Protein backbone atom coordinates (compact mmCIF):
# COMPACT_ATOMS: atom_id res chain seq x y z
CA UNK A 1 109.09 -70.47 -16.83
CA UNK A 2 105.57 -70.63 -15.45
CA UNK A 3 103.37 -68.22 -17.15
CA UNK A 4 99.81 -67.23 -17.47
CA UNK A 5 98.54 -66.27 -20.93
CA UNK A 6 95.44 -65.81 -22.89
CA UNK A 7 92.00 -64.57 -21.79
CA UNK A 8 91.62 -67.55 -19.56
CA UNK A 9 94.44 -68.18 -17.20
CA UNK A 10 96.57 -71.16 -18.36
CA UNK A 11 99.54 -72.46 -16.53
CA UNK A 12 102.48 -73.39 -18.83
CA UNK A 13 105.77 -75.05 -17.87
CA UNK A 14 108.98 -74.86 -19.87
CA UNK A 15 110.69 -78.14 -20.73
CA UNK A 16 113.43 -77.61 -18.13
CA UNK A 17 110.80 -76.94 -15.45
CA UNK A 18 108.67 -79.97 -16.35
CA UNK A 19 111.70 -82.19 -16.31
CA UNK A 20 112.69 -80.85 -12.92
CA UNK A 21 109.24 -81.23 -11.45
CA UNK A 22 109.01 -84.81 -12.79
CA UNK A 23 112.57 -85.68 -11.62
CA UNK A 24 113.90 -86.63 -15.10
CA UNK A 25 116.46 -85.26 -17.40
CA UNK A 26 115.71 -82.90 -20.21
CA UNK A 27 116.95 -85.62 -22.71
CA UNK A 28 114.46 -88.15 -21.16
CA UNK A 29 111.64 -85.57 -21.56
CA UNK A 30 112.67 -85.02 -25.25
CA UNK A 31 112.52 -88.90 -25.70
CA UNK A 32 108.99 -88.95 -24.21
CA UNK A 33 107.95 -86.14 -26.50
CA UNK A 34 109.27 -88.05 -29.54
CA UNK A 35 107.34 -91.15 -28.32
CA UNK A 36 104.11 -89.10 -27.98
CA UNK A 37 103.85 -89.92 -24.37
CA UNK A 38 104.07 -86.16 -23.44
CA UNK A 39 102.85 -83.48 -25.75
CA UNK A 40 103.84 -79.78 -25.80
CA UNK A 41 101.28 -77.17 -26.09
CA UNK A 42 102.28 -76.66 -29.67
CA UNK A 43 104.68 -78.79 -31.75
CA UNK A 44 108.21 -77.73 -31.22
CA UNK A 45 107.23 -75.06 -28.58
CA UNK A 46 109.05 -76.47 -25.67
CA UNK A 47 106.10 -75.41 -23.41
CA UNK A 48 103.78 -77.85 -21.70
CA UNK A 49 100.55 -77.55 -19.92
CA UNK A 50 100.94 -77.68 -16.15
CA UNK A 51 98.58 -80.69 -16.22
CA UNK A 52 101.47 -82.65 -17.77
CA UNK A 53 103.37 -82.64 -14.55
CA UNK A 54 101.07 -84.78 -12.30
CA UNK A 55 100.33 -87.10 -15.29
CA UNK A 56 103.99 -87.59 -15.96
CA UNK A 57 104.81 -88.21 -12.36
CA UNK A 58 102.04 -90.77 -12.14
CA UNK A 59 103.39 -92.56 -15.25
CA UNK A 60 106.90 -92.49 -13.80
CA UNK A 61 105.56 -93.91 -10.48
CA UNK A 62 103.82 -96.83 -12.38
CA UNK A 63 107.14 -97.52 -14.19
CA UNK A 64 109.14 -97.53 -10.97
CA UNK A 65 106.70 -99.38 -8.66
CA UNK A 66 105.18 -101.88 -11.05
CA UNK A 67 107.69 -102.05 -13.90
CA UNK A 68 105.14 -100.84 -16.46
CA UNK A 69 106.74 -99.48 -19.60
CA UNK A 70 106.09 -95.79 -20.33
CA UNK A 71 103.70 -96.28 -23.25
CA UNK A 72 101.77 -98.70 -21.05
CA UNK A 73 101.78 -96.33 -18.17
CA UNK A 74 100.47 -93.57 -20.48
CA UNK A 75 97.45 -95.71 -21.43
CA UNK A 76 96.85 -96.63 -17.76
CA UNK A 77 96.92 -92.92 -16.76
CA UNK A 78 94.56 -92.09 -19.66
CA UNK A 79 92.12 -94.75 -18.61
CA UNK A 80 92.25 -93.68 -14.89
CA UNK A 81 91.58 -90.13 -15.82
CA UNK A 82 88.69 -91.28 -18.08
CA UNK A 83 87.30 -93.40 -15.31
CA UNK A 84 87.46 -90.54 -12.87
CA UNK A 85 85.54 -88.17 -15.30
CA UNK A 86 82.90 -90.86 -15.85
CA UNK A 87 82.48 -91.45 -12.11
CA UNK A 88 82.10 -87.74 -11.57
CA UNK A 89 79.54 -87.56 -14.32
CA UNK A 90 77.66 -90.58 -12.92
CA UNK A 91 77.63 -88.94 -9.52
CA UNK A 92 76.34 -85.68 -10.94
CA UNK A 93 73.60 -87.53 -12.88
CA UNK A 94 72.55 -89.64 -9.89
CA UNK A 95 72.49 -86.52 -7.67
CA UNK A 96 70.25 -84.60 -10.18
CA UNK A 97 67.95 -87.63 -10.32
CA UNK A 98 67.43 -87.76 -6.68
CA UNK A 99 67.05 -84.04 -6.33
CA UNK A 100 64.27 -84.20 -9.04
CA UNK A 101 62.51 -86.72 -6.79
CA UNK A 102 62.60 -84.27 -3.82
CA UNK A 103 65.56 -85.86 -2.01
CA UNK A 104 68.46 -83.64 -0.85
CA UNK A 105 71.21 -86.30 -0.51
CA UNK A 106 73.16 -88.03 -3.25
CA UNK A 107 72.09 -91.47 -1.90
CA UNK A 108 68.64 -92.85 -1.49
CA UNK A 109 67.07 -92.71 1.92
């Protein structure tokens, strides 16, 4: 049940759809919700942000390929996402810094 709601478009997946996309059972998804590894848009709603799908798939990949338990995989994915945001911010700040000095590239000449 993908839908768009609110004044800003927001993709939402139903529990069955998220489970199917992630390749897990609905029971497993319910277990992950109880553990706090996956969070619905509202408690008990059975709807999840579409952003949950790639995060969940990444966690499951870490579990399958490296044997990381799911709580650990959740922490790893959180840290990787935070690192990506910080790297993007650093790039943006460096870019602005060079532009302020009259350069047009993101790296020094």
